[in-house]
Each structure stands twice: as C-alpha cells, then as structure tokens.
C-alpha cells in the first residue's frame, strides 16, 4: 500500500515508490538522494505538513506540498 510522505508516521522505514512532480523538481530531489526504491525515514513532523527525513546519514527537510507528491511504501 502506498501513501504520501506527508501522511507517514515517525520512525518507520519506507521506500520511495514514485515522485509525482515536474521533471525539474524530480531532478532536484534526485540530487538530494530522493530516488525511487531508496529507503528513508521520517524523523520529524513540521508545521503545515513539512517533514524532516533521514536518508542514510543525511537529514533533509521537505515542505508539505512536496511531501504530498512523494509516494512511499511502508516497511
């Protein structure tokens, strides 16, 4: 079952299934390590739907609008 990054619980490993954004935004997210089949974990929820995501040793903040378009599968 897939859901958006914005609705995911804290501390659960998940896999990125799809990024439903324009190619320019997908390109930038790929530069940051957000690629299909990558494992990530939400470590903090921010106001207005933003999320802080752990990807390996990196910590990346994503705004709520972007998080809504990153589809993940929980593990």
PDB file of N, CA and C in Angstrom:
ATOM      1  N   UNK A   1       0.832  -1.173   0.000  1.00  0.00           N
ATOM      2  CA  UNK A   1       0.000   0.000   0.000  1.00  0.00           C
ATOM      3  C   UNK A   1       0.885   1.248   0.000  1.00  0.00           C
ATOM      4  N   UNK A   2       0.612   2.182  -0.879  1.00  0.00           N
ATOM      5  CA  UNK A   2       1.398   3.411  -0.929  1.00  0.00           C
ATOM      6  C   UNK A   2       0.624   4.563  -0.303  1.00  0.00           C
ATOM      7  N   UNK A   3       1.367   5.491   0.238  1.00  0.00           N
ATOM      8  CA  UNK A   3       0.801   6.719   0.772  1.00  0.00           C
ATOM      9  C   UNK A   3       1.813   7.829   0.576  1.00  0.00           C
ATOM     10  N   UNK A   4       1.383   9.057   0.818  1.00  0.00           N
ATOM     11  CA  UNK A   4       2.301  10.169   0.615  1.00  0.00           C
ATOM     12  C   UNK A   4       3.215  10.316   1.825  1.00  0.00           C
ATOM     13  N   UNK A   5       4.363  10.888   1.588  1.00  0.00           N
ATOM     14  CA  UNK A   5       5.322  11.138   2.662  1.00  0.00           C
ATOM     15  C   UNK A   5       4.693  12.015   3.745  1.00  0.00           C
ATOM     16  N   UNK A   6       3.786  12.868   3.355  1.00  0.00           N
ATOM     17  CA  UNK A   6       3.146  13.788   4.295  1.00  0.00           C
ATOM     18  C   UNK A   6       2.305  13.066   5.345  1.00  0.00           C
ATOM     19  N   UNK A   7       1.786  11.901   5.043  1.00  0.00           N
ATOM     20  CA  UNK A   7       0.911  11.188   5.982  1.00  0.00           C
ATOM     21  C   UNK A   7       1.615  10.058   6.724  1.00  0.00           C
ATOM     22  N   UNK A   8       2.898   9.871   6.508  1.00  0.00           N
ATOM     23  CA  UNK A   8       3.625   8.757   7.124  1.00  0.00           C
ATOM     24  C   UNK A   8       3.900   9.004   8.600  1.00  0.00           C
ATOM     25  N   UNK A   9       3.941   7.925   9.382  1.00  0.00           N
ATOM     26  CA  UNK A   9       4.268   8.057  10.805  1.00  0.00           C
ATOM     27  C   UNK A   9       5.762   8.280  11.013  1.00  0.00           C
ATOM     28  N   UNK A  10       6.112   8.733  12.192  1.00  0.00           N
ATOM     29  CA  UNK A  10       7.516   8.954  12.546  1.00  0.00           C
ATOM     30  C   UNK A  10       8.240   7.630  12.783  1.00  0.00           C
ATOM     31  N   UNK A  11       9.510   7.590  12.423  1.00  0.00           N
ATOM     32  CA  UNK A  11      10.384   6.483  12.778  1.00  0.00           C
ATOM     33  C   UNK A  11      10.179   5.180  12.057  1.00  0.00           C
ATOM     34  N   UNK A  12       9.432   5.169  10.974  1.00  0.00           N
ATOM     35  CA  UNK A  12       9.164   3.937  10.231  1.00  0.00           C
ATOM     36  C   UNK A  12       9.953   3.963   8.919  1.00  0.00           C
ATOM     37  N   UNK A  13      10.660   2.878   8.636  1.00  0.00           N
ATOM     38  CA  UNK A  13      11.369   2.784   7.363  1.00  0.00           C
ATOM     39  C   UNK A  13      10.375   2.667   6.228  1.00  0.00           C
ATOM     40  N   UNK A  14      10.682   3.326   5.128  1.00  0.00           N
ATOM     41  CA  UNK A  14       9.816   3.287   3.959  1.00  0.00           C
ATOM     42  C   UNK A  14      10.656   3.367   2.707  1.00  0.00           C
ATOM     43  N   UNK A  15      10.058   2.988   1.608  1.00  0.00           N
ATOM     44  CA  UNK A  15      10.717   3.007   0.307  1.00  0.00           C
ATOM     45  C   UNK A  15       9.970   3.964  -0.609  1.00  0.00           C
ATOM     46  N   UNK A  16      10.715   4.812  -1.302  1.00  0.00           N
ATOM     47  CA  UNK A  16      10.098   5.739  -2.246  1.00  0.00           C
ATOM     48  C   UNK A  16       9.628   4.949  -3.457  1.00  0.00           C
ATOM     49  N   UNK A  17       8.353   5.075  -3.782  1.00  0.00           N
ATOM     50  CA  UNK A  17       7.768   4.377  -4.928  1.00  0.00           C
ATOM     51  C   UNK A  17       7.698   5.276  -6.162  1.00  0.00           C
ATOM     52  N   UNK A  18       7.317   6.536  -5.940  1.00  0.00           N
ATOM     53  CA  UNK A  18       7.135   7.441  -7.070  1.00  0.00           C
ATOM     54  C   UNK A  18       7.199   8.876  -6.572  1.00  0.00           C
ATOM     55  N   UNK A  19       7.718   9.746  -7.410  1.00  0.00           N
ATOM     56  CA  UNK A  19       7.714  11.178  -7.133  1.00  0.00           C
ATOM     57  C   UNK A  19       6.877  11.825  -8.224  1.00  0.00           C
ATOM     58  N   UNK A  20       5.726  12.317  -7.830  1.00  0.00           N
ATOM     59  CA  UNK A  20       4.731  12.831  -8.767  1.00  0.00           C
ATOM     60  C   UNK A  20       4.843  14.350  -8.889  1.00  0.00           C
ATOM     61  N   UNK A  21       5.985  14.801  -9.420  1.00  0.00           N
ATOM     62  CA  UNK A  21       6.263  16.225  -9.612  1.00  0.00           C
ATOM     63  C   UNK A  21       6.827  16.443 -11.007  1.00  0.00           C
ATOM     64  N   UNK A  22       6.934  17.697 -11.409  1.00  0.00           N
ATOM     65  CA  UNK A  22       7.521  18.003 -12.716  1.00  0.00           C
ATOM     66  C   UNK A  22       8.979  17.551 -12.756  1.00  0.00           C
ATOM     67  N   UNK A  23       9.512  17.409 -13.943  1.00  0.00           N
ATOM     68  CA  UNK A  23      10.870  16.875 -14.102  1.00  0.00           C
ATOM     69  C   UNK A  23      11.921  17.731 -13.410  1.00  0.00           C
ATOM     70  N   UNK A  24      11.750  19.050 -13.383  1.00  0.00           N
ATOM     71  CA  UNK A  24      12.728  19.923 -12.716  1.00  0.00           C
ATOM     72  C   UNK A  24      12.781  19.638 -11.217  1.00  0.00           C
ATOM     73  N   UNK A  25      11.615  19.455 -10.592  1.00  0.00           N
ATOM     74  CA  UNK A  25      11.581  19.147  -9.164  1.00  0.00           C
ATOM     75  C   UNK A  25      12.105  17.741  -8.885  1.00  0.00           C
ATOM     76  N   UNK A  26      11.738  16.790  -9.737  1.00  0.00           N
ATOM     77  CA  UNK A  26      12.255  15.420  -9.567  1.00  0.00           C
ATOM     78  C   UNK A  26      13.764  15.405  -9.681  1.00  0.00           C
ATOM     79  N   UNK A  27      14.314  16.166 -10.623  1.00  0.00           N
ATOM     80  CA  UNK A  27      15.760  16.229 -10.801  1.00  0.00           C
ATOM     81  C   UNK A  27      16.436  16.732  -9.528  1.00  0.00           C
ATOM     82  N   UNK A  28      15.908  17.799  -8.950  1.00  0.00           N
ATOM     83  CA  UNK A  28      16.495  18.359  -7.722  1.00  0.00           C
ATOM     84  C   UNK A  28      16.389  17.381  -6.566  1.00  0.00           C
ATOM     85  N   UNK A  29      15.250  16.706  -6.432  1.00  0.00           N
ATOM     86  CA  UNK A  29      15.102  15.721  -5.371  1.00  0.00           C
ATOM     87  C   UNK A  29      16.065  14.556  -5.563  1.00  0.00           C
ATOM     88  N   UNK A  30      16.295  14.156  -6.796  1.00  0.00           N
ATOM     89  CA  UNK A  30      17.275  13.086  -7.057  1.00  0.00           C
ATOM     90  C   UNK A  30      18.674  13.521  -6.654  1.00  0.00           C
ATOM     91  N   UNK A  31      18.998  14.782  -6.880  1.00  0.00           N
ATOM     92  CA  UNK A  31      20.294  15.299  -6.436  1.00  0.00           C
ATOM     93  C   UNK A  31      20.450  15.188  -4.922  1.00  0.00           C
ATOM     94  N   UNK A  32      19.336  15.306  -4.208  1.00  0.00           N
ATOM     95  CA  UNK A  32      19.355  15.204  -2.745  1.00  0.00           C
ATOM     96  C   UNK A  32      19.275  13.758  -2.257  1.00  0.00           C
ATOM     97  N   UNK A  33      19.116  12.804  -3.169  1.00  0.00           N
ATOM     98  CA  UNK A  33      19.066  11.395  -2.800  1.00  0.00           C
ATOM     99  C   UNK A  33      17.683  10.791  -2.783  1.00  0.00           C
ATOM    100  N   UNK A  34      16.668  11.559  -3.160  1.00  0.00           N
ATOM    101  CA  UNK A  34      15.300  11.041  -3.217  1.00  0.00           C
ATOM    102  C   UNK A  34      15.083  10.399  -4.577  1.00  0.00           C
ATOM    103  N   UNK A  35      15.248   9.083  -4.628  1.00  0.00           N
ATOM    104  CA  UNK A  35      15.069   8.326  -5.871  1.00  0.00           C
ATOM    105  C   UNK A  35      14.118   7.167  -5.602  1.00  0.00           C
ATOM    106  N   UNK A  36      13.479   6.698  -6.642  1.00  0.00           N
ATOM    107  CA  UNK A  36      12.623   5.536  -6.498  1.00  0.00           C
ATOM    108  C   UNK A  36      13.451   4.378  -5.937  1.00  0.00           C
ATOM    109  N   UNK A  37      12.850   3.620  -5.036  1.00  0.00           N
ATOM    110  CA  UNK A  37      13.426   2.439  -4.391  1.00  0.00           C
ATOM    111  C   UNK A  37      14.466   2.771  -3.317  1.00  0.00           C
ATOM    112  N   UNK A  38      14.667   4.041  -3.003  1.00  0.00           N
ATOM    113  CA  UNK A  38      15.546   4.415  -1.892  1.00  0.00           C
ATOM    114  C   UNK A  38      14.770   4.288  -0.588  1.00  0.00           C
ATOM    115  N   UNK A  39      15.470   3.924   0.470  1.00  0.00           N
ATOM    116  CA  UNK A  39      14.845   3.825   1.792  1.00  0.00           C
ATOM    117  C   UNK A  39      15.082   5.117   2.555  1.00  0.00           C
ATOM    118  N   UNK A  40      14.009   5.595   3.202  1.00  0.00           N
ATOM    119  CA  UNK A  40      14.065   6.805   4.001  1.00  0.00           C
ATOM    120  C   UNK A  40      13.249   6.604   5.268  1.00  0.00           C
ATOM    121  N   UNK A  41      13.327   7.572   6.188  1.00  0.00           N
ATOM    122  CA  UNK A  41      12.555   7.514   7.423  1.00  0.00           C
ATOM    123  C   UNK A  41      12.202   8.945   7.834  1.00  0.00           C
ATOM    124  N   UNK A  42      10.948   9.190   8.177  1.00  0.00           N
ATOM    125  CA  UNK A  42      10.533  10.495   8.694  1.00  0.00           C
ATOM    126  C   UNK A  42      10.963  10.565  10.157  1.00  0.00           C
ATOM    127  N   UNK A  43      11.750  11.602  10.499  1.00  0.00           N
ATOM    128  CA  UNK A  43      12.216  11.722  11.878  1.00  0.00           C
ATOM    129  C   UNK A  43      11.599  12.912  12.605  1.00  0.00           C
ATOM    130  N   UNK A  44      10.953  13.796  11.840  1.00  0.00           N
ATOM    131  CA  UNK A  44      10.308  14.944  12.481  1.00  0.00           C
ATOM    132  C   UNK A  44       9.193  15.471  11.604  1.00  0.00           C
ATOM    133  N   UNK A  45       8.100  15.848  12.239  1.00  0.00           N
ATOM    134  CA  UNK A  45       6.988  16.479  11.532  1.00  0.00           C
ATOM    135  C   UNK A  45       7.023  17.963  11.848  1.00  0.00           C
ATOM    136  N   UNK A  46       6.887  18.786  10.815  1.00  0.00           N
ATOM    137  CA  UNK A  46       6.899  20.234  10.977  1.00  0.00           C
ATOM    138  C   UNK A  46       5.507  20.803  10.704  1.00  0.00           C
ATOM    139  N   UNK A  47       5.347  22.068  10.997  1.00  0.00           N
ATOM    140  CA  UNK A  47       4.066  22.732  10.734  1.00  0.00           C
ATOM    141  C   UNK A  47       3.730  22.713   9.251  1.00  0.00           C
ATOM    142  N   UNK A  48       2.457  22.734   8.951  1.00  0.00           N
ATOM    143  CA  UNK A  48       1.933  22.792   7.589  1.00  0.00           C
ATOM    144  C   UNK A  48       2.347  21.591   6.733  1.00  0.00           C
ATOM    145  N   UNK A  49       2.585  20.437   7.364  1.00  0.00           N
ATOM    146  CA  UNK A  49       2.839  19.213   6.628  1.00  0.00           C
ATOM    147  C   UNK A  49       4.276  18.948   6.246  1.00  0.00           C
ATOM    148  N   UNK A  50       5.188  19.816   6.612  1.00  0.00           N
ATOM    149  CA  UNK A  50       6.603  19.594   6.308  1.00  0.00           C
ATOM    150  C   UNK A  50       7.143  18.393   7.067  1.00  0.00           C
ATOM    151  N   UNK A  51       8.175  17.804   6.539  1.00  0.00           N
ATOM    152  CA  UNK A  51       8.804  16.635   7.160  1.00  0.00           C
ATOM    153  C   UNK A  51      10.313  16.767   7.118  1.00  0.00           C
ATOM    154  N   UNK A  52      10.973  16.231   8.152  1.00  0.00           N
ATOM    155  CA  UNK A  52      12.418  16.066   8.125  1.00  0.00           C
ATOM    156  C   UNK A  52      12.652  14.576   7.936  1.00  0.00           C
ATOM    157  N   UNK A  53      13.432  14.250   6.921  1.00  0.00           N
ATOM    158  CA  UNK A  53      13.621  12.868   6.504  1.00  0.00           C
ATOM    159  C   UNK A  53      15.073  12.467   6.684  1.00  0.00           C
ATOM    160  N   UNK A  54      15.289  11.266   7.222  1.00  0.00           N
ATOM    161  CA  UNK A  54      16.633  10.692   7.318  1.00  0.00           C
ATOM    162  C   UNK A  54      16.853   9.813   6.097  1.00  0.00           C
ATOM    163  N   UNK A  55      17.950  10.073   5.423  1.00  0.00           N
ATOM    164  CA  UNK A  55      18.359   9.260   4.271  1.00  0.00           C
ATOM    165  C   UNK A  55      19.831   8.941   4.492  1.00  0.00           C
ATOM    166  N   UNK A  56      20.100   7.751   5.010  1.00  0.00           N
ATOM    167  CA  UNK A  56      21.466   7.431   5.408  1.00  0.00           C
ATOM    168  C   UNK A  56      21.862   8.331   6.567  1.00  0.00           C
ATOM    169  N   UNK A  57      22.978   9.024   6.433  1.00  0.00           N
ATOM    170  CA  UNK A  57      23.422   9.950   7.473  1.00  0.00           C
ATOM    171  C   UNK A  57      22.919  11.371   7.234  1.00  0.00           C
ATOM    172  N   UNK A  58      22.252  11.589   6.130  1.00  0.00           N
ATOM    173  CA  UNK A  58      21.740  12.913   5.771  1.00  0.00           C
ATOM    174  C   UNK A  58      20.388  13.170   6.423  1.00  0.00           C
ATOM    175  N   UNK A  59      20.114  14.433   6.701  1.00  0.00           N
ATOM    176  CA  UNK A  59      18.808  14.885   7.179  1.00  0.00           C
ATOM    177  C   UNK A  59      18.340  15.966   6.215  1.00  0.00           C
ATOM    178  N   UNK A  60      17.157  15.777   5.642  1.00  0.00           N
ATOM    179  CA  UNK A  60      16.657  16.670   4.608  1.00  0.00           C
ATOM    180  C   UNK A  60      15.247  17.117   4.985  1.00  0.00           C
ATOM    181  N   UNK A  61      15.006  18.434   4.941  1.00  0.00           N
ATOM    182  CA  UNK A  61      13.674  18.978   5.211  1.00  0.00           C
ATOM    183  C   UNK A  61      12.918  19.122   3.898  1.00  0.00           C
ATOM    184  N   UNK A  62      11.663  18.704   3.921  1.00  0.00           N
ATOM    185  CA  UNK A  62      10.800  18.777   2.743  1.00  0.00           C
ATOM    186  C   UNK A  62       9.525  19.504   3.153  1.00  0.00           C
ATOM    187  N   UNK A  63       9.109  20.480   2.367  1.00  0.00           N
ATOM    188  CA  UNK A  63       7.877  21.192   2.693  1.00  0.00           C
ATOM    189  C   UNK A  63       6.664  20.295   2.464  1.00  0.00           C
ATOM    190  N   UNK A  64       5.535  20.682   3.038  1.00  0.00           N
ATOM    191  CA  UNK A  64       4.324  19.873   2.983  1.00  0.00           C
ATOM    192  C   UNK A  64       3.801  19.626   1.585  1.00  0.00           C
ATOM    193  N   UNK A  65       3.865  20.641   0.720  1.00  0.00           N
ATOM    194  CA  UNK A  65       3.372  20.481  -0.658  1.00  0.00           C
ATOM    195  C   UNK A  65       4.199  19.447  -1.412  1.00  0.00           C
ATOM    196  N   UNK A  66       5.507  19.468  -1.218  1.00  0.00           N
ATOM    197  CA  UNK A  66       6.383  18.494  -1.875  1.00  0.00           C
ATOM    198  C   UNK A  66       6.166  17.107  -1.276  1.00  0.00           C
ATOM    199  N   UNK A  67       6.066  17.029   0.051  1.00  0.00           N
ATOM    200  CA  UNK A  67       5.870  15.741   0.727  1.00  0.00           C
ATOM    201  C   UNK A  67       4.606  15.050   0.247  1.00  0.00           C
ATOM    202  N   UNK A  68       3.593  15.816  -0.112  1.00  0.00           N
ATOM    203  CA  UNK A  68       2.335  15.248  -0.597  1.00  0.00           C
ATOM    204  C   UNK A  68       2.537  14.499  -1.914  1.00  0.00           C
ATOM    205  N   UNK A  69       3.546  14.863  -2.691  1.00  0.00           N
ATOM    206  CA  UNK A  69       3.766  14.262  -4.013  1.00  0.00           C
ATOM    207  C   UNK A  69       4.855  13.192  -4.031  1.00  0.00           C
ATOM    208  N   UNK A  70       5.388  12.867  -2.875  1.00  0.00           N
ATOM    209  CA  UNK A  70       6.361  11.770  -2.778  1.00  0.00           C
ATOM    210  C   UNK A  70       5.606  10.566  -2.218  1.00  0.00           C
ATOM    211  N   UNK A  71       5.427   9.553  -3.043  1.00  0.00           N
ATOM    212  CA  UNK A  71       4.658   8.366  -2.653  1.00  0.00           C
ATOM    213  C   UNK A  71       5.611   7.290  -2.158  1.00  0.00           C
ATOM    214  N   UNK A  72       5.267   6.708  -1.020  1.00  0.00           N
ATOM    215  CA  UNK A  72       6.134   5.737  -0.381  1.00  0.00           C
ATOM    216  C   UNK A  72       5.354   4.496   0.010  1.00  0.00           C
ATOM    217  N   UNK A  73       6.110   3.442   0.273  1.00  0.00           N
ATOM    218  CA  UNK A  73       5.540   2.201   0.801  1.00  0.00           C
ATOM    219  C   UNK A  73       6.227   1.915   2.123  1.00  0.00           C
ATOM    220  N   UNK A  74       5.444   1.692   3.164  1.00  0.00           N
ATOM    221  CA  UNK A  74       5.995   1.419   4.498  1.00  0.00           C
ATOM    222  C   UNK A  74       6.577   0.019   4.555  1.00  0.00           C
ATOM    223  N   UNK A  75       7.618  -0.135   5.375  1.00  0.00           N
ATOM    224  CA  UNK A  75       8.248  -1.452   5.576  1.00  0.00           C
ATOM    225  C   UNK A  75       8.173  -1.856   7.016  1.00  0.00           C
TER     226      UNK A  75
END
